Amino acid sequence: MTDDHYVYVLECADGSLYTGYTTDVERRVAEHDAGEGAKYTRGRTPVDLVHVESFDSKSAAMSREYEIKQLSRAQKERLVGLD
């Protein structure tokens, strides 16, 4: 199987950005919107999916998730096209 690991960025209702990992982007975004996703996104719904990257392995996706989480707000905005 290829391309079944994803890193995604959500824009929350309060304007903040959340980065996560999943194997099913649609399901995960729905979980966040339903308040069943990460603790961070609860109370910050609705969320908008603003960026997705796909990877062949979980380790590659997790490494990229970590990289994105280290970026500054301005760098993340450039990445997702919000600048």
Protein backbone atom coordinates (compact mmCIF):
# COMPACT_ATOMS: atom_id res chain seq x y z
CA MET A 1 0.00 0.00 0.00
CA THR A 2 1.19 3.50 -0.74
CA ASP A 3 0.09 6.94 0.32
CA ASP A 4 -1.96 5.76 3.28
CA HIS A 5 -0.33 7.94 5.90
CA TYR A 6 -1.23 11.61 6.08
CA VAL A 7 -0.17 14.74 7.88
CA TYR A 8 -2.85 17.40 7.94
CA VAL A 9 -3.25 20.97 9.14
CA LEU A 10 -6.57 22.30 10.41
CA GLU A 11 -7.57 25.89 10.90
CA CYS A 12 -9.71 26.04 14.02
CA ALA A 13 -12.65 28.38 14.58
CA ASP A 14 -10.46 30.62 16.75
CA GLY A 15 -7.95 31.01 13.90
CA SER A 16 -5.34 28.72 15.43
CA LEU A 17 -3.66 25.95 13.43
CA TYR A 18 -3.56 22.30 14.48
CA THR A 19 -1.28 19.69 12.89
CA GLY A 20 -1.95 15.96 13.13
CA TYR A 21 -1.33 12.51 11.67
CA THR A 22 -3.93 10.05 10.38
CA THR A 23 -4.53 7.22 7.95
CA ASP A 24 -8.00 8.55 7.03
CA VAL A 25 -8.21 12.32 6.60
CA GLU A 26 -12.00 12.56 6.10
CA ARG A 27 -12.75 10.46 9.18
CA ARG A 28 -10.25 12.38 11.29
CA VAL A 29 -11.59 15.81 10.31
CA ALA A 30 -15.11 14.58 11.08
CA GLU A 31 -13.90 13.42 14.51
CA HIS A 32 -12.37 16.82 15.21
CA ASP A 33 -15.59 18.57 14.12
CA ALA A 34 -17.63 16.28 16.37
CA GLY A 35 -15.45 17.17 19.35
CA GLU A 36 -13.96 13.65 19.40
CA GLY A 37 -10.55 14.56 17.99
CA ALA A 38 -7.59 15.90 19.89
CA LYS A 39 -8.18 17.69 23.18
CA TYR A 40 -6.74 20.84 21.55
CA THR A 41 -9.47 21.06 18.90
CA ARG A 42 -12.39 20.46 21.29
CA GLY A 43 -14.08 23.78 21.83
CA ARG A 44 -12.35 25.18 18.74
CA THR A 45 -14.80 23.76 16.20
CA PRO A 46 -15.71 23.95 13.44
CA VAL A 47 -12.35 23.16 11.87
CA ASP A 48 -11.29 23.63 8.25
CA LEU A 49 -8.84 21.30 6.56
CA VAL A 50 -6.26 23.63 5.01
CA HIS A 51 -3.34 21.31 4.15
CA VAL A 52 -2.65 17.60 3.57
CA GLU A 53 0.54 15.72 2.70
CA SER A 54 0.65 11.97 1.99
CA PHE A 55 3.43 9.50 2.79
CA ASP A 56 4.27 5.86 2.11
CA SER A 57 5.20 5.12 5.71
CA LYS A 58 4.01 6.09 9.16
CA SER A 59 7.56 7.02 10.19
CA ALA A 60 7.91 9.47 7.29
CA ALA A 61 4.55 11.04 8.13
CA MET A 62 5.36 11.30 11.83
CA SER A 63 8.70 12.93 11.04
CA ARG A 64 6.95 15.49 8.84
CA GLU A 65 4.30 16.12 11.50
CA TYR A 66 7.10 16.91 13.96
CA GLU A 67 8.77 19.23 11.42
CA ILE A 68 5.54 21.16 10.84
CA LYS A 69 4.92 21.46 14.58
CA GLN A 70 8.34 23.10 14.96
CA LEU A 71 7.50 25.82 12.43
CA SER A 72 6.57 29.32 13.52
CA ARG A 73 3.02 30.55 12.97
CA ALA A 74 4.18 32.60 9.96
CA GLN A 75 5.96 29.58 8.45
CA LYS A 76 2.86 27.43 8.93
CA GLU A 77 0.70 30.11 7.28
CA ARG A 78 3.04 30.11 4.28
CA LEU A 79 2.92 26.30 4.13
CA VAL A 80 -0.88 26.18 4.05
CA GLY A 81 -1.31 29.29 1.91
CA LEU A 82 -2.92 31.54 4.53
CA ASP A 83 -0.31 34.31 4.25
